[in-house]
Amino acid sequence: MVEPEFNTLREAIMGVRGEDSAIGNRRKRRIFRHFIKNRDGVTAIEFALLAMPFFLLVCAIIETCIAFAAQELISNATDDVARQFRTGRITAASNLSETTLRKMVCDRISIMVSDDCPGLTVDLRQFATFEEAANTASSSSLSALQPKVDLGPALTKNMLRVYYRWPIITNRLGQNLPDGKMLLFSAATWQNEPF
């Protein structure tokens, strides 16, 4: 069944039959109309055209949602650790180091990040006024930051800043970022209670 149609199509295109051009042209138009009206395979072609942009969009949405969840997790961890300092549960006299502080934050975000929290930077400082703390937070960048741990005694103003370099998986999102990583940031500023 397929063979006669193929031969007819071949003859029409090649002009094998020696018919005059008017009849050959009519036959070519008829075959072309038949080809145009044929709807077999349209769904596959439409899927092929739309699948790639659709899947890229879905992947970008999923990755954005995961990064947002990680940002919220880092914010909650920062607030939780800051609450322990504010209430005096952990004091400056407790020999707090950068490694200890980093581990405290890392333990709280370990559900979303790999072991040892690569890319995590913590900074804890005391300030004379809240205005000084606000100016410091807005003027510093991660590349210029020299992290330190300086928790003040009772009734001092302190600020804890947590930075995490979140890896981007979707190449289109990550190519515009330095090192292909997005910077997640959280800060908590408080005055210690009179403990």
C-alpha atoms as a PDB file:
ATOM      1  CA  MET A   1       0.000   0.000   0.000  1.00  0.00           C
ATOM      2  CA  VAL A   2       2.776   2.399   0.788  1.00  0.00           C
ATOM      3  CA  GLU A   3       4.719   1.529  -2.357  1.00  0.00           C
ATOM      4  CA  PRO A   4       2.155   2.947  -4.875  1.00  0.00           C
ATOM      5  CA  GLU A   5       1.873   6.226  -2.920  1.00  0.00           C
ATOM      6  CA  PHE A   6       5.635   6.510  -2.821  1.00  0.00           C
ATOM      7  CA  ASN A   7       5.912   5.843  -6.557  1.00  0.00           C
ATOM      8  CA  THR A   8       3.206   8.389  -7.283  1.00  0.00           C
ATOM      9  CA  LEU A   9       4.958  10.954  -5.145  1.00  0.00           C
ATOM     10  CA  ARG A  10       8.309  10.164  -6.766  1.00  0.00           C
ATOM     11  CA  GLU A  11       6.841  10.407 -10.254  1.00  0.00           C
ATOM     12  CA  ALA A  12       5.109  13.667  -9.449  1.00  0.00           C
ATOM     13  CA  ILE A  13       8.239  15.237  -8.075  1.00  0.00           C
ATOM     14  CA  MET A  14      10.632  13.884 -10.670  1.00  0.00           C
ATOM     15  CA  GLY A  15       8.273  14.267 -13.648  1.00  0.00           C
ATOM     16  CA  VAL A  16       8.996  10.695 -14.761  1.00  0.00           C
ATOM     17  CA  ARG A  17       5.716  10.140 -16.592  1.00  0.00           C
ATOM     18  CA  GLY A  18       6.187  12.652 -19.328  1.00  0.00           C
ATOM     19  CA  GLU A  19       2.754  14.253 -18.815  1.00  0.00           C
ATOM     20  CA  ASP A  20       2.351  17.829 -19.803  1.00  0.00           C
ATOM     21  CA  SER A  21       3.247  20.386 -17.133  1.00  0.00           C
ATOM     22  CA  ALA A  22      -0.361  21.395 -16.297  1.00  0.00           C
ATOM     23  CA  ILE A  23      -1.360  17.869 -15.293  1.00  0.00           C
ATOM     24  CA  GLY A  24       1.938  17.372 -13.450  1.00  0.00           C
ATOM     25  CA  ASN A  25       1.472  20.637 -11.569  1.00  0.00           C
ATOM     26  CA  ARG A  26      -2.078  19.663 -10.561  1.00  0.00           C
ATOM     27  CA  ARG A  27      -0.833  16.333  -9.282  1.00  0.00           C
ATOM     28  CA  LYS A  28       1.988  18.054  -7.334  1.00  0.00           C
ATOM     29  CA  ARG A  29      -0.503  20.463  -5.752  1.00  0.00           C
ATOM     30  CA  ARG A  30      -2.788  17.550  -4.795  1.00  0.00           C
ATOM     31  CA  ILE A  31       0.098  15.685  -3.158  1.00  0.00           C
ATOM     32  CA  PHE A  32       1.242  18.851  -1.403  1.00  0.00           C
ATOM     33  CA  ARG A  33      -2.329  19.466  -0.095  1.00  0.00           C
ATOM     34  CA  HIS A  34      -2.484  15.869   1.103  1.00  0.00           C
ATOM     35  CA  PHE A  35       0.837  16.382   2.927  1.00  0.00           C
ATOM     36  CA  ILE A  36      -0.373  19.615   4.540  1.00  0.00           C
ATOM     37  CA  LYS A  37      -3.712  18.133   5.668  1.00  0.00           C
ATOM     38  CA  ASN A  38      -2.044  15.088   7.209  1.00  0.00           C
ATOM     39  CA  ARG A  39      -2.094  15.593  11.025  1.00  0.00           C
ATOM     40  CA  ASP A  40      -0.100  12.479  11.983  1.00  0.00           C
ATOM     41  CA  GLY A  41       2.841  13.368  14.215  1.00  0.00           C
ATOM     42  CA  VAL A  42       1.762  16.950  14.993  1.00  0.00           C
ATOM     43  CA  THR A  43       1.659  16.248  18.704  1.00  0.00           C
ATOM     44  CA  ALA A  44       5.200  14.877  18.667  1.00  0.00           C
ATOM     45  CA  ILE A  45       6.483  17.923  16.776  1.00  0.00           C
ATOM     46  CA  GLU A  46       4.714  20.358  19.131  1.00  0.00           C
ATOM     47  CA  PHE A  47       6.078  18.499  22.155  1.00  0.00           C
ATOM     48  CA  ALA A  48       9.605  18.621  20.730  1.00  0.00           C
ATOM     49  CA  LEU A  49       9.335  22.389  20.225  1.00  0.00           C
ATOM     50  CA  LEU A  50       7.845  23.160  23.633  1.00  0.00           C
ATOM     51  CA  ALA A  51       9.460  20.549  25.893  1.00  0.00           C
ATOM     52  CA  MET A  52      12.888  22.159  26.305  1.00  0.00           C
ATOM     53  CA  PRO A  53      11.688  25.661  27.333  1.00  0.00           C
ATOM     54  CA  PHE A  54       9.060  24.108  29.592  1.00  0.00           C
ATOM     55  CA  PHE A  55      11.539  21.866  31.421  1.00  0.00           C
ATOM     56  CA  LEU A  56      14.050  24.720  31.770  1.00  0.00           C
ATOM     57  CA  LEU A  57      11.338  26.885  33.316  1.00  0.00           C
ATOM     58  CA  VAL A  58      10.279  24.120  35.704  1.00  0.00           C
ATOM     59  CA  CYS A  59      13.899  23.507  36.771  1.00  0.00           C
ATOM     60  CA  ALA A  60      14.460  27.238  37.361  1.00  0.00           C
ATOM     61  CA  ILE A  61      11.296  27.477  39.473  1.00  0.00           C
ATOM     62  CA  ILE A  62      12.267  24.446  41.556  1.00  0.00           C
ATOM     63  CA  GLU A  63      15.797  25.745  42.096  1.00  0.00           C
ATOM     64  CA  THR A  64      14.506  29.180  43.107  1.00  0.00           C
ATOM     65  CA  CYS A  65      12.146  27.577  45.627  1.00  0.00           C
ATOM     66  CA  ILE A  66      14.956  25.488  47.120  1.00  0.00           C
ATOM     67  CA  ALA A  67      17.232  28.547  47.413  1.00  0.00           C
ATOM     68  CA  PHE A  68      14.385  30.479  49.077  1.00  0.00           C
ATOM     69  CA  ALA A  69      13.904  27.638  51.575  1.00  0.00           C
ATOM     70  CA  ALA A  70      17.652  27.655  52.296  1.00  0.00           C
ATOM     71  CA  GLN A  71      17.527  31.431  52.866  1.00  0.00           C
ATOM     72  CA  GLU A  72      14.692  30.990  55.368  1.00  0.00           C
ATOM     73  CA  LEU A  73      16.587  28.184  57.115  1.00  0.00           C
ATOM     74  CA  ILE A  74      19.668  30.402  57.449  1.00  0.00           C
ATOM     75  CA  SER A  75      17.530  33.258  58.812  1.00  0.00           C
ATOM     76  CA  ASN A  76      15.962  30.961  61.412  1.00  0.00           C
ATOM     77  CA  ALA A  77      19.354  29.560  62.422  1.00  0.00           C
ATOM     78  CA  THR A  78      20.752  33.084  62.808  1.00  0.00           C
ATOM     79  CA  ASP A  79      17.817  34.150  64.985  1.00  0.00           C
ATOM     80  CA  ASP A  80      18.076  30.997  67.109  1.00  0.00           C
ATOM     81  CA  VAL A  81      21.801  31.422  67.771  1.00  0.00           C
ATOM     82  CA  ALA A  82      21.368  35.149  68.437  1.00  0.00           C
ATOM     83  CA  ARG A  83      18.626  34.359  70.973  1.00  0.00           C
ATOM     84  CA  GLN A  84      21.079  32.189  72.931  1.00  0.00           C
ATOM     85  CA  PHE A  85      23.536  35.086  73.089  1.00  0.00           C
ATOM     86  CA  ARG A  86      20.866  37.682  73.932  1.00  0.00           C
ATOM     87  CA  THR A  87      19.450  35.706  76.855  1.00  0.00           C
ATOM     88  CA  GLY A  88      22.882  34.888  78.314  1.00  0.00           C
ATOM     89  CA  ARG A  89      22.683  31.161  77.697  1.00  0.00           C
ATOM     90  CA  ILE A  90      26.040  31.568  75.933  1.00  0.00           C
ATOM     91  CA  THR A  91      28.191  34.438  77.188  1.00  0.00           C
ATOM     92  CA  ALA A  92      31.454  36.078  76.227  1.00  0.00           C
ATOM     93  CA  ALA A  93      33.056  34.307  79.187  1.00  0.00           C
ATOM     94  CA  SER A  94      32.219  30.895  77.651  1.00  0.00           C
ATOM     95  CA  ASN A  95      35.334  31.024  75.458  1.00  0.00           C
ATOM     96  CA  LEU A  96      33.412  31.326  72.189  1.00  0.00           C
ATOM     97  CA  SER A  97      35.512  30.910  69.037  1.00  0.00           C
ATOM     98  CA  GLU A  98      34.767  31.293  65.331  1.00  0.00           C
ATOM     99  CA  THR A  99      34.851  27.512  64.894  1.00  0.00           C
ATOM    100  CA  THR A 100      32.323  27.009  67.708  1.00  0.00           C
ATOM    101  CA  LEU A 101      30.022  29.710  66.356  1.00  0.00           C
ATOM    102  CA  ARG A 102      30.298  28.317  62.842  1.00  0.00           C
ATOM    103  CA  LYS A 103      29.420  24.833  64.141  1.00  0.00           C
ATOM    104  CA  MET A 104      26.403  26.194  66.026  1.00  0.00           C
ATOM    105  CA  VAL A 105      25.006  27.708  62.821  1.00  0.00           C
ATOM    106  CA  CYS A 106      26.051  24.748  60.669  1.00  0.00           C
ATOM    107  CA  ASP A 107      24.237  22.265  62.929  1.00  0.00           C
ATOM    108  CA  ARG A 108      21.007  24.196  62.420  1.00  0.00           C
ATOM    109  CA  ILE A 109      21.245  24.334  58.607  1.00  0.00           C
ATOM    110  CA  SER A 110      22.688  20.867  58.029  1.00  0.00           C
ATOM    111  CA  ILE A 111      19.388  19.620  56.592  1.00  0.00           C
ATOM    112  CA  MET A 112      19.917  21.738  53.447  1.00  0.00           C
ATOM    113  CA  VAL A 113      23.706  21.898  53.086  1.00  0.00           C
ATOM    114  CA  SER A 114      26.512  19.372  52.917  1.00  0.00           C
ATOM    115  CA  ASP A 115      28.648  18.340  55.880  1.00  0.00           C
ATOM    116  CA  ASP A 116      30.900  20.988  57.426  1.00  0.00           C
ATOM    117  CA  CYS A 117      28.917  23.720  55.608  1.00  0.00           C
ATOM    118  CA  PRO A 118      31.372  24.761  52.891  1.00  0.00           C
ATOM    119  CA  GLY A 119      30.817  28.374  51.966  1.00  0.00           C
ATOM    120  CA  LEU A 120      29.550  29.395  55.431  1.00  0.00           C
ATOM    121  CA  THR A 121      30.973  32.582  56.963  1.00  0.00           C
ATOM    122  CA  VAL A 122      29.939  33.910  60.393  1.00  0.00           C
ATOM    123  CA  ASP A 123      30.704  37.244  61.983  1.00  0.00           C
ATOM    124  CA  LEU A 124      29.759  38.310  65.537  1.00  0.00           C
ATOM    125  CA  ARG A 125      30.602  41.798  66.813  1.00  0.00           C
ATOM    126  CA  GLN A 126      29.650  44.174  69.579  1.00  0.00           C
ATOM    127  CA  PHE A 127      28.872  47.852  68.900  1.00  0.00           C
ATOM    128  CA  ALA A 128      28.466  50.991  70.936  1.00  0.00           C
ATOM    129  CA  THR A 129      25.174  51.966  69.233  1.00  0.00           C
ATOM    130  CA  PHE A 130      22.609  50.394  66.921  1.00  0.00           C
ATOM    131  CA  GLU A 131      23.390  53.096  64.353  1.00  0.00           C
ATOM    132  CA  GLU A 132      27.016  51.957  64.211  1.00  0.00           C
ATOM    133  CA  ALA A 133      25.847  48.357  63.721  1.00  0.00           C
ATOM    134  CA  ALA A 134      23.494  49.393  60.908  1.00  0.00           C
ATOM    135  CA  ASN A 135      26.239  51.331  59.124  1.00  0.00           C
ATOM    136  CA  THR A 136      28.609  48.378  59.381  1.00  0.00           C
ATOM    137  CA  ALA A 137      26.031  45.940  58.011  1.00  0.00           C
ATOM    138  CA  SER A 138      25.211  48.070  54.988  1.00  0.00           C
ATOM    139  CA  SER A 139      28.759  49.059  54.066  1.00  0.00           C
ATOM    140  CA  SER A 140      30.630  45.751  54.169  1.00  0.00           C
ATOM    141  CA  SER A 141      30.811  43.077  51.509  1.00  0.00           C
ATOM    142  CA  LEU A 142      31.753  39.437  51.882  1.00  0.00           C
ATOM    143  CA  SER A 143      35.045  39.844  50.034  1.00  0.00           C
ATOM    144  CA  ALA A 144      36.135  42.659  52.364  1.00  0.00           C
ATOM    145  CA  LEU A 145      34.799  41.009  55.530  1.00  0.00           C
ATOM    146  CA  GLN A 146      37.317  39.885  58.108  1.00  0.00           C
ATOM    147  CA  PRO A 147      35.127  37.601  60.244  1.00  0.00           C
ATOM    148  CA  LYS A 148      35.627  37.642  63.959  1.00  0.00           C
ATOM    149  CA  VAL A 149      33.836  36.664  67.137  1.00  0.00           C
ATOM    150  CA  ASP A 150      33.500  39.460  69.674  1.00  0.00           C
ATOM    151  CA  LEU A 151      30.442  38.927  71.894  1.00  0.00           C
ATOM    152  CA  GLY A 152      29.828  41.694  74.383  1.00  0.00           C
ATOM    153  CA  PRO A 153      28.802  41.343  78.023  1.00  0.00           C
ATOM    154  CA  ALA A 154      25.355  42.132  79.451  1.00  0.00           C
ATOM    155  CA  LEU A 155      23.497  45.157  78.039  1.00  0.00           C
ATOM    156  CA  THR A 156      25.818  45.554  75.026  1.00  0.00           C
ATOM    157  CA  LYS A 157      24.629  45.816  71.444  1.00  0.00           C
ATOM    158  CA  ASN A 158      25.689  42.929  69.206  1.00  0.00           C
ATOM    159  CA  MET A 159      25.213  41.815  65.651  1.00  0.00           C
ATOM    160  CA  LEU A 160      25.523  38.323  64.167  1.00  0.00           C
ATOM    161  CA  ARG A 161      25.922  38.093  60.392  1.00  0.00           C
ATOM    162  CA  VAL A 162      25.774  34.782  58.542  1.00  0.00           C
ATOM    163  CA  TYR A 163      26.756  34.402  54.873  1.00  0.00           C
ATOM    164  CA  TYR A 164      26.404  31.258  52.798  1.00  0.00           C
ATOM    165  CA  ARG A 165      27.530  30.800  49.198  1.00  0.00           C
ATOM    166  CA  TRP A 166      24.698  28.701  47.742  1.00  0.00           C
ATOM    167  CA  PRO A 167      25.619  26.663  44.641  1.00  0.00           C
ATOM    168  CA  ILE A 168      23.364  27.105  41.603  1.00  0.00           C
ATOM    169  CA  ILE A 169      22.684  23.965  39.574  1.00  0.00           C
ATOM    170  CA  THR A 170      20.779  25.399  36.621  1.00  0.00           C
ATOM    171  CA  ASN A 171      23.495  26.702  34.320  1.00  0.00           C
ATOM    172  CA  ARG A 172      21.482  29.642  32.949  1.00  0.00           C
ATOM    173  CA  LEU A 173      20.924  31.024  36.444  1.00  0.00           C
ATOM    174  CA  GLY A 174      24.474  30.425  37.634  1.00  0.00           C
ATOM    175  CA  GLN A 175      26.389  31.845  34.687  1.00  0.00           C
ATOM    176  CA  ASN A 176      25.672  35.453  35.728  1.00  0.00           C
ATOM    177  CA  LEU A 177      26.837  34.919  39.310  1.00  0.00           C
ATOM    178  CA  PRO A 178      30.422  35.014  40.584  1.00  0.00           C
ATOM    179  CA  ASP A 179      31.686  31.432  40.928  1.00  0.00           C
ATOM    180  CA  GLY A 180      28.187  30.248  39.933  1.00  0.00           C
ATOM    181  CA  LYS A 181      27.027  30.729  43.524  1.00  0.00           C
ATOM    182  CA  MET A 182      24.350  32.920  45.048  1.00  0.00           C
ATOM    183  CA  LEU A 183      25.058  34.683  48.331  1.00  0.00           C
ATOM    184  CA  LEU A 184      22.496  33.976  51.051  1.00  0.00           C
ATOM    185  CA  PHE A 185      22.691  36.410  53.941  1.00  0.00           C
ATOM    186  CA  SER A 186      21.098  36.838  57.337  1.00  0.00           C
ATOM    187  CA  ALA A 187      21.748  39.220  60.207  1.00  0.00           C
ATOM    188  CA  ALA A 188      20.432  39.652  63.725  1.00  0.00           C
ATOM    189  CA  THR A 189      21.072  42.723  65.863  1.00  0.00           C
ATOM    190  CA  TRP A 190      20.150  42.824  69.553  1.00  0.00           C
ATOM    191  CA  GLN A 191      20.967  44.207  72.972  1.00  0.00           C
ATOM    192  CA  ASN A 192      21.957  41.601  75.539  1.00  0.00           C
ATOM    193  CA  GLU A 193      19.677  41.177  78.514  1.00  0.00           C
ATOM    194  CA  PRO A 194      20.953  41.995  82.022  1.00  0.00           C
ATOM    195  CA  PHE A 195      22.104  38.467  82.857  1.00  0.00           C
END
